[in-house]
Amino acid sequence: MEVSMFMDVNEVVEILGVKKPTAYKIIRQLNDELNGKDFVTIAGRVSRQYFMERFYGLQKAN
């Protein structure tokens, strides 16, 4: 199974153990942050890399 660059609401629910409305709120918040940095986002999906950075402090290795 290939890992997508983006996470959907179901994956956020599973990882964080929250309900769907909360997961959607988190996705919107993260996408708003990315939009503020002039990144293009997809409604209902969030960048896996950005999610991991914001929740776990993980950064992509160079």
Protein backbone atom coordinates (compact mmCIF):
# COMPACT_ATOMS: atom_id res chain seq x y z
CA MET A 1 0.00 0.00 0.00
CA GLU A 2 1.38 3.37 -1.02
CA VAL A 3 1.23 6.19 1.50
CA SER A 4 -0.44 9.31 0.13
CA MET A 5 1.02 12.80 0.55
CA PHE A 6 -2.34 13.82 2.03
CA MET A 7 -4.38 12.54 4.94
CA ASP A 8 -8.16 12.42 4.89
CA VAL A 9 -10.55 12.86 7.79
CA ASN A 10 -10.72 9.13 8.52
CA GLU A 11 -6.97 8.90 8.96
CA VAL A 12 -6.91 11.94 11.26
CA VAL A 13 -9.73 10.36 13.31
CA GLU A 14 -7.77 7.12 13.61
CA ILE A 15 -4.43 8.72 14.52
CA LEU A 16 -5.74 11.28 17.02
CA GLY A 17 -8.69 9.31 18.39
CA VAL A 18 -11.11 12.20 17.87
CA LYS A 19 -14.55 12.37 16.28
CA LYS A 20 -15.05 13.42 12.66
CA PRO A 21 -16.21 16.99 13.39
CA THR A 22 -13.06 17.59 15.44
CA ALA A 23 -10.89 16.04 12.72
CA TYR A 24 -12.47 18.32 10.10
CA LYS A 25 -11.83 21.32 12.35
CA ILE A 26 -8.16 20.33 12.70
CA ILE A 27 -7.82 19.85 8.94
CA ARG A 28 -9.37 23.29 8.32
CA GLN A 29 -7.04 24.90 10.86
CA LEU A 30 -3.93 23.32 9.39
CA ASN A 31 -5.02 24.22 5.84
CA ASP A 32 -5.70 27.81 6.94
CA GLU A 33 -2.15 27.96 8.30
CA LEU A 34 -0.77 26.62 5.02
CA ASN A 35 -2.90 29.03 2.98
CA GLY A 36 -1.45 31.87 5.06
CA LYS A 37 1.99 30.72 3.90
CA ASP A 38 0.81 30.75 0.24
CA PHE A 39 0.57 26.97 -0.09
CA VAL A 40 -2.18 25.37 -2.14
CA THR A 41 -4.44 23.08 -0.09
CA ILE A 42 -7.19 20.56 -0.78
CA ALA A 43 -10.43 20.83 1.19
CA GLY A 44 -10.98 17.81 3.43
CA ARG A 45 -7.35 16.71 3.16
CA VAL A 46 -4.19 17.85 4.90
CA SER A 47 -0.54 17.49 4.02
CA ARG A 48 0.84 14.46 5.85
CA GLN A 49 4.19 16.19 6.31
CA TYR A 50 2.63 19.35 7.79
CA PHE A 51 0.36 17.31 10.06
CA MET A 52 3.34 15.40 11.43
CA GLU A 53 5.35 18.61 11.91
CA ARG A 54 2.55 20.33 13.82
CA PHE A 55 1.49 17.39 16.00
CA TYR A 56 4.74 15.56 16.56
CA GLY A 57 7.48 18.04 15.70
CA LEU A 58 8.71 15.73 12.96
CA GLN A 59 10.46 17.36 10.04
CA LYS A 60 11.39 15.91 6.69
CA ALA A 61 15.01 14.73 6.60
CA ASN A 62 17.11 16.45 3.95
